[in-house]
Each structure stands twice: as structure tokens, then as C-alpha cells.
């Protein structure tokens, strides 16, 4: 009887332990599910915010983002017009337009807000003086678009001017001559310093 009682007690304890373990596991699983659900809800909420924010930006859509002037003569000053449309849901406001170098100058961009669906344009002038051969330059537009800036490009192949090329060759030769003169002077100074050091060392080595 006593043995049967111990066996029965052990069986009941095992059942209770297993039940408690199952309940704990169930609670942990439910907690994980709840945390994952909260995380997914936050992610979805942030995605909605991003989508809503994106709807508030202006969108610059260009007819062409690259203009090729083709082959020109060095020294020529050429210009082109970039046309665009605001395909966003907010008025487009351009705060600045700047070329990547002084030879590329944008002008005449709209200073007033451009309504959604409306169009605008600006001019880019290119001065090819001292810009021989193929050159590509960038024009950066600062505006209230999603990225905060947009870019267009121009390129041209300027046939070198014989007169300007001669000036460049002369200037290059003069620079090289100055460099050689400086290097020769530095070498001579170094040799003189070495000779002085050797003379001092030799003099100090004599016995008086």
C-alpha cells in the first residue's frame, strides 16, 4: 500500500510539474508573440510616416538631365536650357543652383515656388576657354525635393586653340624651368652643408 502511495504521489507530482512547465512555456511564447506584434506595428507605423512624408516633397522631372554641346572650338561660350516639371504634391522651391566649376554658370532659375504640375527652366552657360578636349561638368540644384538636391550635366569637346595651346606650352616650360632651378639650388645647398659638416668633423679630429 505504501509503495503504491509513493508511486501515485510521484505520478501526480510529474503531472503537476509538466503542467506548470507547459504553462510557463505558453506564457513565454505569448510574450514573444506580443513583443513581435508590437515591433511589427511600430515598423508599419514608421513606414506609413515615411510614405506620408514622401508625399509632401516636390519632384523635379527633367526633359533631359544631360546636354551635349558636341564639338566646339576652344574659347567658344555656349549655353543651353534645362526644362523641368514639378511632379510632386508640394510647391517646388529652388534655393540655389551651382556649377561644378567657374566655367559652368547657371542663370535665370525661378525664384518663386512652382506649383505641382507646373513647369520651369533655367539656363546653363559654358565657357570653354582653357578647357580643351572633352569636359563634363555638373550642375547641382538645391531644392525641397526628397534628397534635397538634384543634378544635371553638360559636356563638350573643345578643339584646342593653337594660340591658347602655345600659351599653355610656354607656361608649362617656364614652370618646369623654375622647378629645375629650385631643385638645382636645393641640391647645391645640400652639398655645401655636407661639405661644411665634413670639414668640422675633420678639424675636431686633429690632436693639438
N, C-alpha and C. Protein backbone atom coordinates (compact mmCIF):
# COMPACT_ATOMS: atom_id res chain seq x y z
N UNK A 1 0.84 -1.21 0.00
CA UNK A 1 0.00 0.00 0.00
C UNK A 1 0.87 1.25 0.00
N UNK A 2 1.86 1.23 0.90
CA UNK A 2 2.73 2.41 0.99
C UNK A 2 3.45 2.64 -0.32
N UNK A 3 3.94 1.55 -0.94
CA UNK A 3 4.64 1.66 -2.22
C UNK A 3 3.73 2.23 -3.29
N UNK A 4 2.48 1.74 -3.31
CA UNK A 4 1.52 2.25 -4.30
C UNK A 4 1.26 3.74 -4.07
N UNK A 5 1.24 4.12 -2.77
CA UNK A 5 1.00 5.54 -2.45
C UNK A 5 2.11 6.42 -2.97
N UNK A 6 3.39 5.94 -2.80
CA UNK A 6 4.53 6.72 -3.32
C UNK A 6 4.48 6.85 -4.83
N UNK A 7 4.11 5.73 -5.47
CA UNK A 7 4.02 5.75 -6.94
C UNK A 7 2.95 6.73 -7.39
N UNK A 8 1.82 6.73 -6.72
CA UNK A 8 0.72 7.64 -7.07
C UNK A 8 1.12 9.08 -6.85
N UNK A 9 1.81 9.33 -5.72
CA UNK A 9 2.25 10.69 -5.40
C UNK A 9 3.26 11.19 -6.44
N UNK A 10 4.17 10.26 -6.85
CA UNK A 10 5.16 10.63 -7.86
C UNK A 10 4.52 10.95 -9.18
N UNK A 11 3.52 10.18 -9.55
CA UNK A 11 2.82 10.41 -10.82
C UNK A 11 2.12 11.75 -10.81
N UNK A 12 1.48 12.07 -9.68
CA UNK A 12 0.77 13.35 -9.57
C UNK A 12 1.74 14.53 -9.62
N UNK A 13 2.92 14.34 -8.95
CA UNK A 13 3.92 15.42 -8.97
C UNK A 13 4.43 15.65 -10.40
N UNK A 14 4.65 14.55 -11.11
CA UNK A 14 5.12 14.66 -12.50
C UNK A 14 4.11 15.38 -13.37
N UNK A 15 2.84 15.06 -13.15
CA UNK A 15 1.77 15.72 -13.93
C UNK A 15 1.73 17.21 -13.62
N UNK A 16 1.83 17.56 -12.32
CA UNK A 16 1.80 18.96 -11.93
C UNK A 16 3.00 19.71 -12.49
N UNK A 17 4.20 19.08 -12.43
CA UNK A 17 5.43 19.72 -12.94
C UNK A 17 5.33 19.98 -14.44
N UNK A 18 4.85 18.96 -15.14
CA UNK A 18 4.70 19.09 -16.59
C UNK A 18 3.69 20.16 -16.93
N UNK A 19 2.63 20.22 -16.17
CA UNK A 19 1.59 21.23 -16.40
C UNK A 19 2.13 22.63 -16.18
N UNK A 20 2.90 22.79 -15.06
CA UNK A 20 3.48 24.10 -14.77
C UNK A 20 4.47 24.52 -15.86
N UNK A 21 5.26 23.52 -16.31
CA UNK A 21 6.24 23.79 -17.37
C UNK A 21 5.55 24.21 -18.65
N UNK A 22 4.47 23.52 -18.99
CA UNK A 22 3.72 23.87 -20.19
C UNK A 22 3.13 25.26 -20.08
N UNK A 23 2.61 25.60 -18.86
CA UNK A 23 2.04 26.93 -18.66
C UNK A 23 3.11 28.01 -18.81
N UNK A 24 4.31 27.77 -18.26
CA UNK A 24 5.40 28.74 -18.35
C UNK A 24 5.83 28.93 -19.80
N UNK A 25 5.96 27.79 -20.51
CA UNK A 25 6.35 27.86 -21.93
C UNK A 25 5.31 28.62 -22.73
N UNK A 26 4.06 28.37 -22.40
CA UNK A 26 2.97 29.04 -23.10
C UNK A 26 3.02 30.55 -22.87
N UNK A 27 3.32 30.93 -21.60
CA UNK A 27 3.40 32.35 -21.27
C UNK A 27 4.56 33.02 -21.99
N UNK A 28 5.73 32.32 -22.05
CA UNK A 28 6.89 32.87 -22.76
C UNK A 28 6.58 33.05 -24.23
N UNK A 29 5.95 32.04 -24.85
CA UNK A 29 5.59 32.12 -26.26
C UNK A 29 4.63 33.28 -26.51
N UNK A 30 3.65 33.42 -25.62
CA UNK A 30 2.67 34.50 -25.77
C UNK A 30 3.36 35.87 -25.64
N UNK A 31 4.34 35.95 -24.73
CA UNK A 31 5.08 37.20 -24.56
C UNK A 31 5.88 37.53 -25.81
N UNK A 32 6.56 36.50 -26.39
CA UNK A 32 7.33 36.71 -27.62
C UNK A 32 6.44 37.18 -28.76
N UNK A 33 5.27 36.57 -28.84
CA UNK A 33 4.32 36.94 -29.89
C UNK A 33 3.88 38.39 -29.71
N UNK A 34 3.64 38.77 -28.45
CA UNK A 34 3.20 40.13 -28.18
C UNK A 34 4.29 41.15 -28.53
N UNK A 35 5.57 40.83 -28.17
CA UNK A 35 6.69 41.72 -28.48
C UNK A 35 6.87 41.85 -29.99
N UNK A 36 6.81 40.71 -30.68
CA UNK A 36 6.95 40.73 -32.15
C UNK A 36 5.82 41.53 -32.78
N UNK A 37 4.61 41.39 -32.22
CA UNK A 37 3.48 42.15 -32.75
C UNK A 37 3.66 43.64 -32.57
N UNK A 38 4.17 44.04 -31.39
CA UNK A 38 4.43 45.46 -31.14
C UNK A 38 5.51 46.00 -32.08
N UNK A 39 6.55 45.18 -32.29
CA UNK A 39 7.63 45.60 -33.19
C UNK A 39 7.12 45.78 -34.61
N UNK A 40 6.34 44.84 -35.09
CA UNK A 40 5.80 44.93 -36.44
C UNK A 40 4.87 46.14 -36.58
N UNK A 41 4.13 46.42 -35.52
CA UNK A 41 3.21 47.56 -35.56
C UNK A 41 3.98 48.86 -35.64
N UNK A 42 5.10 48.94 -34.90
CA UNK A 42 5.93 50.15 -34.94
C UNK A 42 6.56 50.34 -36.31
N UNK A 43 7.05 49.22 -36.88
CA UNK A 43 7.67 49.28 -38.21
C UNK A 43 6.66 49.76 -39.25
N UNK A 44 5.47 49.21 -39.17
CA UNK A 44 4.42 49.60 -40.12
C UNK A 44 4.04 51.07 -39.93
N UNK A 45 4.00 51.51 -38.68
CA UNK A 45 3.67 52.90 -38.40
C UNK A 45 4.72 53.85 -38.97
N UNK A 46 6.02 53.48 -38.80
CA UNK A 46 7.10 54.30 -39.34
C UNK A 46 7.06 54.32 -40.87
N UNK A 47 6.75 53.17 -41.46
CA UNK A 47 6.65 53.11 -42.93
C UNK A 47 5.56 54.03 -43.44
N UNK A 48 4.45 54.07 -42.71
CA UNK A 48 3.34 54.96 -43.09
C UNK A 48 3.78 56.41 -42.99
N UNK A 49 4.54 56.73 -41.92
CA UNK A 49 5.03 58.10 -41.75
C UNK A 49 5.94 58.51 -42.90
N UNK A 50 6.83 57.57 -43.28
CA UNK A 50 7.75 57.85 -44.39
C UNK A 50 6.98 58.06 -45.69
N UNK A 51 5.97 57.23 -45.92
CA UNK A 51 5.16 57.37 -47.13
C UNK A 51 4.44 58.71 -47.14
N UNK A 52 3.90 59.10 -45.98
CA UNK A 52 3.18 60.37 -45.88
C UNK A 52 4.13 61.54 -46.09
N UNK A 53 5.35 61.42 -45.50
CA UNK A 53 6.33 62.49 -45.65
C UNK A 53 6.77 62.63 -47.11
N UNK A 54 6.92 61.48 -47.77
CA UNK A 54 7.35 61.50 -49.18
C UNK A 54 6.33 62.22 -50.06
N UNK A 55 5.07 62.14 -49.67
CA UNK A 55 4.03 62.79 -50.46
C UNK A 55 4.11 64.31 -50.37
N UNK A 56 4.85 64.82 -49.35
CA UNK A 56 4.92 66.26 -49.15
C UNK A 56 6.10 66.90 -49.87
N UNK A 57 6.93 66.10 -50.54
CA UNK A 57 8.07 66.64 -51.26
C UNK A 57 7.69 67.03 -52.69
N UNK A 58 8.43 68.02 -53.19
CA UNK A 58 8.32 68.34 -54.61
C UNK A 58 9.18 67.35 -55.39
N UNK A 59 8.85 67.15 -56.66
CA UNK A 59 9.60 66.22 -57.51
C UNK A 59 9.97 66.92 -58.81
N UNK A 60 11.28 67.03 -59.07
CA UNK A 60 11.75 67.66 -60.31
C UNK A 60 11.95 66.60 -61.37
N UNK A 61 11.17 66.67 -62.43
CA UNK A 61 11.30 65.75 -63.56
C UNK A 61 11.81 66.54 -64.76
N UNK A 62 13.02 66.20 -65.22
CA UNK A 62 13.66 66.94 -66.31
C UNK A 62 13.35 66.32 -67.67
N UNK A 63 13.24 67.17 -68.67
CA UNK A 63 13.12 66.66 -70.05
C UNK A 63 14.40 65.93 -70.41
N UNK A 64 15.55 66.52 -70.03
CA UNK A 64 16.85 65.89 -70.24
C UNK A 64 17.76 66.29 -69.09
N UNK A 65 18.51 65.32 -68.57
CA UNK A 65 19.42 65.62 -67.47
C UNK A 65 20.87 65.72 -67.95
N UNK A 66 21.10 65.50 -69.24
CA UNK A 66 22.42 65.65 -69.82
C UNK A 66 22.31 66.41 -71.14
N UNK A 67 23.13 67.46 -71.30
CA UNK A 67 23.17 68.16 -72.58
C UNK A 67 24.59 68.08 -73.14
N UNK A 68 24.69 67.63 -74.39
CA UNK A 68 25.97 67.50 -75.07
C UNK A 68 26.09 68.61 -76.10
N UNK A 69 27.06 69.51 -75.87
CA UNK A 69 27.28 70.61 -76.83
C UNK A 69 27.98 70.12 -78.09
N UNK A 70 28.48 68.89 -78.04
CA UNK A 70 29.17 68.35 -79.21
C UNK A 70 30.57 68.92 -79.35
N UNK A 71 31.03 69.06 -80.60
CA UNK A 71 32.37 69.59 -80.87
C UNK A 71 32.29 71.10 -81.05
N UNK A 72 33.06 71.82 -80.25
CA UNK A 72 33.12 73.28 -80.35
C UNK A 72 34.58 73.69 -80.42
N UNK A 73 34.83 74.96 -80.63
CA UNK A 73 36.20 75.47 -80.64
C UNK A 73 36.54 76.02 -79.26
N UNK A 74 37.75 75.73 -78.81
CA UNK A 74 38.15 76.26 -77.51
C UNK A 74 38.04 77.78 -77.52
N UNK A 75 37.43 78.31 -76.48
CA UNK A 75 37.18 79.75 -76.41
C UNK A 75 35.72 80.08 -76.67
N UNK A 76 34.99 79.13 -77.27
CA UNK A 76 33.56 79.36 -77.50
C UNK A 76 32.81 79.41 -76.17
N UNK A 77 31.80 80.26 -76.13
CA UNK A 77 30.91 80.33 -74.97
C UNK A 77 29.51 79.91 -75.45
N UNK A 78 29.04 78.81 -74.91
CA UNK A 78 27.76 78.25 -75.36
C UNK A 78 26.81 78.15 -74.18
N UNK A 79 25.54 77.95 -74.48
CA UNK A 79 24.56 77.82 -73.40
C UNK A 79 23.42 76.90 -73.82
N UNK A 80 22.73 76.39 -72.82
CA UNK A 80 21.58 75.52 -73.05
C UNK A 80 20.53 75.78 -71.98
N UNK A 81 19.33 75.27 -72.21
CA UNK A 81 18.23 75.45 -71.26
C UNK A 81 17.78 74.08 -70.76
N UNK A 82 17.69 73.94 -69.46
CA UNK A 82 17.15 72.72 -68.85
C UNK A 82 15.71 72.99 -68.40
N UNK A 83 14.79 72.18 -68.94
CA UNK A 83 13.38 72.33 -68.60
C UNK A 83 12.94 71.20 -67.67
N UNK A 84 12.04 71.53 -66.75
CA UNK A 84 11.60 70.54 -65.77
C UNK A 84 10.14 70.78 -65.38
N UNK A 85 9.56 69.76 -64.77
CA UNK A 85 8.18 69.85 -64.27
C UNK A 85 8.15 69.39 -62.81
N UNK A 86 7.32 70.05 -62.02
CA UNK A 86 7.14 69.62 -60.63
C UNK A 86 6.06 68.56 -60.60
N UNK A 87 6.48 67.29 -60.48
CA UNK A 87 5.54 66.17 -60.43
C UNK A 87 5.21 65.74 -59.00
N UNK A 88 5.57 66.57 -58.03
CA UNK A 88 5.27 66.25 -56.64
C UNK A 88 3.94 66.82 -56.20
N UNK A 89 3.66 66.69 -54.90
CA UNK A 89 2.41 67.17 -54.33
C UNK A 89 2.55 68.49 -53.59
N UNK A 90 3.79 69.01 -53.54
CA UNK A 90 4.04 70.29 -52.87
C UNK A 90 4.68 71.26 -53.84
N UNK A 91 4.55 72.57 -53.60
CA UNK A 91 5.21 73.57 -54.45
C UNK A 91 6.72 73.37 -54.42
N UNK A 92 7.35 73.50 -55.56
CA UNK A 92 8.80 73.34 -55.68
C UNK A 92 9.47 74.69 -55.43
N UNK A 93 10.43 74.69 -54.51
CA UNK A 93 11.17 75.91 -54.21
C UNK A 93 12.66 75.66 -54.42
N UNK A 94 13.26 76.35 -55.38
CA UNK A 94 14.69 76.22 -55.67
C UNK A 94 15.42 77.32 -54.90
N UNK A 95 16.34 76.91 -54.02
CA UNK A 95 17.07 77.89 -53.22
C UNK A 95 18.41 78.27 -53.84
N UNK A 96 18.98 77.38 -54.67
CA UNK A 96 20.26 77.71 -55.29
C UNK A 96 20.57 76.72 -56.41
N UNK A 97 21.34 77.18 -57.39
CA UNK A 97 21.86 76.31 -58.45
C UNK A 97 23.31 76.69 -58.66
N UNK A 98 24.19 75.68 -58.69
CA UNK A 98 25.62 75.96 -58.76
C UNK A 98 26.32 74.98 -59.69
N UNK A 99 27.27 75.51 -60.48
CA UNK A 99 28.06 74.67 -61.37
C UNK A 99 29.27 74.10 -60.65
N UNK A 100 29.82 73.02 -61.17
CA UNK A 100 30.96 72.36 -60.52
C UNK A 100 32.26 73.12 -60.72
N UNK A 101 32.29 74.10 -61.62
CA UNK A 101 33.48 74.94 -61.78
C UNK A 101 33.04 76.31 -62.30
N UNK A 102 34.01 77.25 -62.31
CA UNK A 102 33.68 78.61 -62.72
C UNK A 102 33.32 78.74 -64.19
N UNK A 103 33.65 77.72 -64.99
CA UNK A 103 33.34 77.77 -66.41
C UNK A 103 31.88 77.41 -66.70
N UNK A 104 31.19 76.86 -65.69
CA UNK A 104 29.80 76.43 -65.87
C UNK A 104 28.92 77.28 -64.96
N UNK A 105 28.12 78.14 -65.57
CA UNK A 105 27.37 79.12 -64.79
C UNK A 105 25.87 79.00 -65.06
N UNK A 106 25.08 78.60 -64.06
CA UNK A 106 23.62 78.56 -64.21
C UNK A 106 23.00 79.93 -63.95
N UNK A 107 21.94 80.23 -64.67
CA UNK A 107 21.26 81.53 -64.53
C UNK A 107 19.76 81.36 -64.69
N UNK A 108 19.05 82.41 -64.28
CA UNK A 108 17.62 82.56 -64.61
C UNK A 108 16.72 81.45 -64.08
N UNK A 109 17.04 80.87 -62.92
CA UNK A 109 16.12 79.87 -62.38
C UNK A 109 14.98 80.57 -61.63
N UNK A 110 13.82 79.95 -61.56
CA UNK A 110 12.65 80.58 -60.91
C UNK A 110 12.90 80.81 -59.42
N UNK A 111 12.64 82.02 -58.96
CA UNK A 111 12.78 82.34 -57.54
C UNK A 111 11.47 82.14 -56.78
N UNK A 112 10.38 82.03 -57.49
CA UNK A 112 9.07 81.83 -56.87
C UNK A 112 8.73 80.35 -56.83
N UNK A 113 7.91 79.91 -55.86
CA UNK A 113 7.51 78.49 -55.80
C UNK A 113 6.79 78.06 -57.07
N UNK A 114 7.09 76.83 -57.50
CA UNK A 114 6.46 76.28 -58.70
C UNK A 114 5.42 75.26 -58.25
N UNK A 115 4.18 75.49 -58.59
CA UNK A 115 3.07 74.67 -58.13
C UNK A 115 3.15 73.25 -58.70
N UNK A 116 2.57 72.27 -58.01
CA UNK A 116 2.52 70.91 -58.55
C UNK A 116 1.89 70.89 -59.93
N UNK A 117 2.56 70.22 -60.85
CA UNK A 117 2.07 70.16 -62.22
C UNK A 117 2.60 71.26 -63.11
N UNK A 118 3.16 72.31 -62.52
CA UNK A 118 3.69 73.43 -63.31
C UNK A 118 5.13 73.14 -63.73
N UNK A 119 5.60 73.92 -64.70
CA UNK A 119 6.95 73.71 -65.26
C UNK A 119 7.83 74.92 -65.06
N UNK A 120 9.11 74.72 -65.20
CA UNK A 120 10.07 75.81 -65.11
C UNK A 120 11.31 75.48 -65.91
N UNK A 121 12.28 76.38 -65.90
CA UNK A 121 13.52 76.16 -66.64
C UNK A 121 14.62 77.06 -66.11
N UNK A 122 15.85 76.73 -66.47
CA UNK A 122 16.98 77.60 -66.15
C UNK A 122 18.04 77.42 -67.23
N UNK A 123 18.92 78.41 -67.33
CA UNK A 123 19.96 78.42 -68.37
C UNK A 123 21.31 78.04 -67.76
N UNK A 124 22.11 77.32 -68.53
CA UNK A 124 23.47 77.00 -68.12
C UNK A 124 24.41 77.46 -69.22
N UNK A 125 25.36 78.34 -68.86
CA UNK A 125 26.35 78.83 -69.81
C UNK A 125 27.69 78.15 -69.55
N UNK A 126 28.38 77.81 -70.65
CA UNK A 126 29.67 77.12 -70.54
C UNK A 126 30.73 77.89 -71.32
N UNK A 127 31.83 78.23 -70.64
CA UNK A 127 32.95 78.93 -71.26
C UNK A 127 34.09 77.94 -71.44
N UNK A 128 34.44 77.65 -72.67
CA UNK A 128 35.45 76.61 -72.96
C UNK A 128 36.88 77.13 -73.00
N UNK A 129 37.10 78.39 -72.65
CA UNK A 129 38.45 78.94 -72.65
C UNK A 129 39.33 78.17 -71.66
N UNK A 130 40.48 77.70 -72.13
CA UNK A 130 41.39 76.89 -71.32
C UNK A 130 40.75 75.59 -70.83
N UNK A 131 39.76 75.12 -71.58
CA UNK A 131 39.12 73.83 -71.30
C UNK A 131 39.14 72.98 -72.57
N UNK A 132 40.34 72.65 -73.09
CA UNK A 132 40.42 71.90 -74.34
C UNK A 132 40.00 70.44 -74.17
N UNK A 133 39.65 69.84 -75.28
CA UNK A 133 39.28 68.42 -75.33
C UNK A 133 37.96 68.17 -74.61
N UNK A 134 37.72 66.91 -74.23
CA UNK A 134 36.42 66.54 -73.67
C UNK A 134 36.32 66.92 -72.19
N UNK A 135 35.25 67.62 -71.85
CA UNK A 135 34.99 68.02 -70.47
C UNK A 135 33.53 67.74 -70.13
N UNK A 136 33.30 67.24 -68.91
CA UNK A 136 31.95 67.02 -68.40
C UNK A 136 31.81 67.74 -67.07
N UNK A 137 30.78 68.54 -66.92
CA UNK A 137 30.57 69.30 -65.69
C UNK A 137 29.17 69.06 -65.14
N UNK A 138 29.05 69.26 -63.84
CA UNK A 138 27.80 69.00 -63.13
C UNK A 138 27.18 70.30 -62.64
N UNK A 139 25.86 70.36 -62.69
CA UNK A 139 25.11 71.49 -62.14
C UNK A 139 24.22 70.92 -61.03
N UNK A 140 24.37 71.45 -59.82
CA UNK A 140 23.62 70.97 -58.66
C UNK A 140 22.51 71.95 -58.30
N UNK A 141 21.29 71.42 -58.21
CA UNK A 141 20.12 72.23 -57.85
C UNK A 141 19.72 71.91 -56.42
N UNK A 142 19.73 72.91 -55.56
CA UNK A 142 19.30 72.73 -54.18
C UNK A 142 17.82 73.11 -54.10
N UNK A 143 16.98 72.15 -53.69
CA UNK A 143 15.53 72.37 -53.69
C UNK A 143 14.87 71.47 -52.64
N UNK A 144 13.58 71.68 -52.43
CA UNK A 144 12.84 70.90 -51.43
C UNK A 144 12.32 69.57 -52.00
N UNK A 145 13.23 68.85 -52.66
CA UNK A 145 12.90 67.50 -53.13
C UNK A 145 13.27 66.50 -52.03
N UNK A 146 13.00 65.24 -52.25
CA UNK A 146 13.23 64.23 -51.22
C UNK A 146 14.70 64.16 -50.81
N UNK A 147 15.62 64.25 -51.78
CA UNK A 147 17.04 64.18 -51.49
C UNK A 147 17.64 65.53 -51.13
N UNK A 148 16.92 66.61 -51.38
CA UNK A 148 17.42 67.94 -51.06
C UNK A 148 18.23 68.57 -52.18
N UNK A 149 18.60 67.77 -53.18
CA UNK A 149 19.34 68.31 -54.32
C UNK A 149 19.17 67.41 -55.53
N UNK A 150 19.25 68.02 -56.70
CA UNK A 150 19.15 67.29 -57.97
C UNK A 150 20.35 67.69 -58.83
N UNK A 151 20.68 66.87 -59.82
CA UNK A 151 21.85 67.15 -60.65
C UNK A 151 21.56 66.95 -62.14
N UNK A 152 22.12 67.85 -62.93
CA UNK A 152 22.13 67.69 -64.38
C UNK A 152 23.57 67.88 -64.84
N UNK A 153 23.85 67.49 -66.08
CA UNK A 153 25.24 67.55 -66.56
C UNK A 153 25.31 68.14 -67.96
N UNK A 154 26.45 68.72 -68.25
CA UNK A 154 26.75 69.19 -69.60
C UNK A 154 28.11 68.62 -70.01
N UNK A 155 28.32 68.46 -71.30
CA UNK A 155 29.63 68.06 -71.77
C UNK A 155 29.90 68.66 -73.13
N UNK A 156 31.18 68.78 -73.47
CA UNK A 156 31.57 69.35 -74.75
C UNK A 156 32.99 68.91 -75.08
N UNK A 157 33.25 68.79 -76.36
CA UNK A 157 34.62 68.53 -76.81
C UNK A 157 35.11 69.79 -77.51
N UNK A 158 36.05 70.48 -76.84
CA UNK A 158 36.56 71.74 -77.39
C UNK A 158 37.86 71.48 -78.15
N UNK A 159 37.85 71.77 -79.43
CA UNK A 159 39.06 71.63 -80.24
C UNK A 159 40.08 72.66 -79.76
N UNK A 160 41.27 72.23 -79.34
CA UNK A 160 42.25 73.16 -78.76
C UNK A 160 42.57 74.33 -79.69
N UNK A 161 42.65 75.52 -79.12
CA UNK A 161 43.03 76.71 -79.86
C UNK A 161 44.55 76.75 -79.99
N UNK A 162 45.10 76.90 -81.20
CA UNK A 162 46.56 76.95 -81.37
C UNK A 162 47.19 78.07 -80.53
N UNK A 163 46.54 79.21 -80.49
CA UNK A 163 47.07 80.35 -79.73
C UNK A 163 47.10 80.04 -78.23
N UNK A 164 45.97 79.53 -77.72
CA UNK A 164 45.89 79.22 -76.30
C UNK A 164 46.81 78.05 -75.94
N UNK A 165 46.94 77.08 -76.85
CA UNK A 165 47.81 75.94 -76.60
C UNK A 165 49.27 76.40 -76.53
N UNK A 166 49.65 77.35 -77.38
CA UNK A 166 51.02 77.88 -77.36
C UNK A 166 51.29 78.57 -76.01
N UNK A 167 50.31 79.30 -75.52
CA UNK A 167 50.47 79.96 -74.21
C UNK A 167 50.61 78.93 -73.09
N UNK A 168 49.81 77.86 -73.18
CA UNK A 168 49.89 76.81 -72.17
C UNK A 168 51.25 76.11 -72.21
N UNK A 169 51.73 75.84 -73.43
CA UNK A 169 53.03 75.18 -73.57
C UNK A 169 54.15 76.07 -73.01
N UNK A 170 54.07 77.37 -73.27
CA UNK A 170 55.07 78.31 -72.78
C UNK A 170 55.05 78.36 -71.25
N UNK A 171 53.84 78.43 -70.69
CA UNK A 171 53.70 78.47 -69.23
C UNK A 171 54.23 77.18 -68.60
N UNK A 172 53.98 76.04 -69.24
CA UNK A 172 54.46 74.76 -68.74
C UNK A 172 55.98 74.71 -68.76
N UNK A 173 56.58 75.19 -69.86
CA UNK A 173 58.04 75.19 -69.97
C UNK A 173 58.66 76.08 -68.90
N UNK A 174 58.02 77.23 -68.64
CA UNK A 174 58.53 78.15 -67.61
C UNK A 174 58.44 77.52 -66.22
N UNK A 175 57.33 76.80 -65.95
CA UNK A 175 57.19 76.13 -64.66
C UNK A 175 58.25 75.06 -64.48
N UNK A 176 58.49 74.28 -65.53
CA UNK A 176 59.49 73.22 -65.46
C UNK A 176 60.89 73.80 -65.25
N UNK A 177 61.16 74.94 -65.90
CA UNK A 177 62.47 75.58 -65.74
C UNK A 177 62.65 76.07 -64.31
N UNK A 178 61.59 76.65 -63.73
CA UNK A 178 61.67 77.12 -62.35
C UNK A 178 61.90 75.95 -61.38
N UNK A 179 61.19 74.85 -61.64
CA UNK A 179 61.34 73.67 -60.79
C UNK A 179 62.76 73.12 -60.84
N UNK A 180 63.33 73.04 -62.05
CA UNK A 180 64.70 72.55 -62.21
C UNK A 180 65.68 73.47 -61.50
N UNK A 181 65.44 74.78 -61.59
CA UNK A 181 66.32 75.75 -60.93
C UNK A 181 66.25 75.58 -59.41
N UNK A 182 65.03 75.40 -58.89
CA UNK A 182 64.86 75.21 -57.45
C UNK A 182 65.52 73.91 -56.99
N UNK A 183 65.34 72.86 -57.78
CA UNK A 183 65.95 71.58 -57.42
C UNK A 183 67.47 71.66 -57.43
N UNK A 184 68.03 72.39 -58.42
CA UNK A 184 69.49 72.55 -58.50
C UNK A 184 70.00 73.34 -57.30
N UNK A 185 69.24 74.39 -56.92
CA UNK A 185 69.64 75.20 -55.77
C UNK A 185 69.59 74.38 -54.48
N UNK A 186 68.54 73.58 -54.33
CA UNK A 186 68.43 72.74 -53.14
C UNK A 186 69.55 71.71 -53.08
N UNK A 187 69.90 71.14 -54.25
CA UNK A 187 70.97 70.15 -54.31
C UNK A 187 72.31 70.79 -53.95
N UNK A 188 72.53 72.01 -54.49
CA UNK A 188 73.79 72.72 -54.21
C UNK A 188 73.87 73.06 -52.73
N UNK A 189 72.75 73.48 -52.14
CA UNK A 189 72.74 73.82 -50.71
C UNK A 189 73.01 72.58 -49.87
N UNK A 190 72.44 71.47 -50.28
CA UNK A 190 72.67 70.22 -49.56
C UNK A 190 74.11 69.79 -49.63
N UNK A 191 74.74 69.94 -50.81
CA UNK A 191 76.15 69.57 -50.98
C UNK A 191 77.04 70.45 -50.13
N UNK A 192 76.73 71.76 -50.10
CA UNK A 192 77.52 72.70 -49.30
C UNK A 192 77.41 72.37 -47.82
N UNK A 193 76.23 72.05 -47.36
CA UNK A 193 76.03 71.71 -45.94
C UNK A 193 76.81 70.45 -45.57
N UNK A 194 76.81 69.48 -46.48
CA UNK A 194 77.54 68.23 -46.24
C UNK A 194 79.04 68.51 -46.14
N UNK A 195 79.54 69.37 -47.02
CA UNK A 195 80.97 69.71 -47.02
C UNK A 195 81.36 70.42 -45.73
N UNK A 196 80.52 71.32 -45.26
CA UNK A 196 80.79 72.05 -44.01
C UNK A 196 80.85 71.09 -42.84
N UNK A 197 79.90 70.15 -42.77
CA UNK A 197 79.87 69.17 -41.68
C UNK A 197 81.12 68.30 -41.69
N UNK A 198 81.53 67.87 -42.90
CA UNK A 198 82.72 67.04 -43.01
C UNK A 198 83.96 67.80 -42.57
N UNK A 199 84.04 69.10 -42.92
CA UNK A 199 85.18 69.94 -42.55
C UNK A 199 85.26 70.09 -41.04
N UNK A 200 84.12 70.34 -40.40
CA UNK A 200 84.08 70.48 -38.94
C UNK A 200 84.48 69.19 -38.26
N UNK A 201 83.98 68.07 -38.77
CA UNK A 201 84.30 66.77 -38.18
C UNK A 201 85.79 66.48 -38.29
N UNK A 202 86.36 66.77 -39.47
CA UNK A 202 87.79 66.53 -39.69
C UNK A 202 88.65 67.41 -38.79
N UNK A 203 88.25 68.66 -38.59
CA UNK A 203 89.00 69.60 -37.77
C UNK A 203 88.98 69.17 -36.31
N UNK A 204 87.86 68.72 -35.83
CA UNK A 204 87.73 68.30 -34.45
C UNK A 204 88.51 67.03 -34.18
N UNK A 205 88.83 66.27 -35.25
CA UNK A 205 89.56 65.01 -35.06
C UNK A 205 91.06 65.18 -34.90
N UNK A 206 91.62 66.43 -35.17
CA UNK A 206 93.07 66.65 -35.05
C UNK A 206 93.51 66.71 -33.60
N UNK A 207 94.74 66.27 -33.33
CA UNK A 207 95.30 66.41 -31.99
C UNK A 207 96.17 67.67 -31.92
N UNK A 208 95.95 68.48 -30.94
CA UNK A 208 96.71 69.73 -30.83
C UNK A 208 97.73 69.59 -29.73
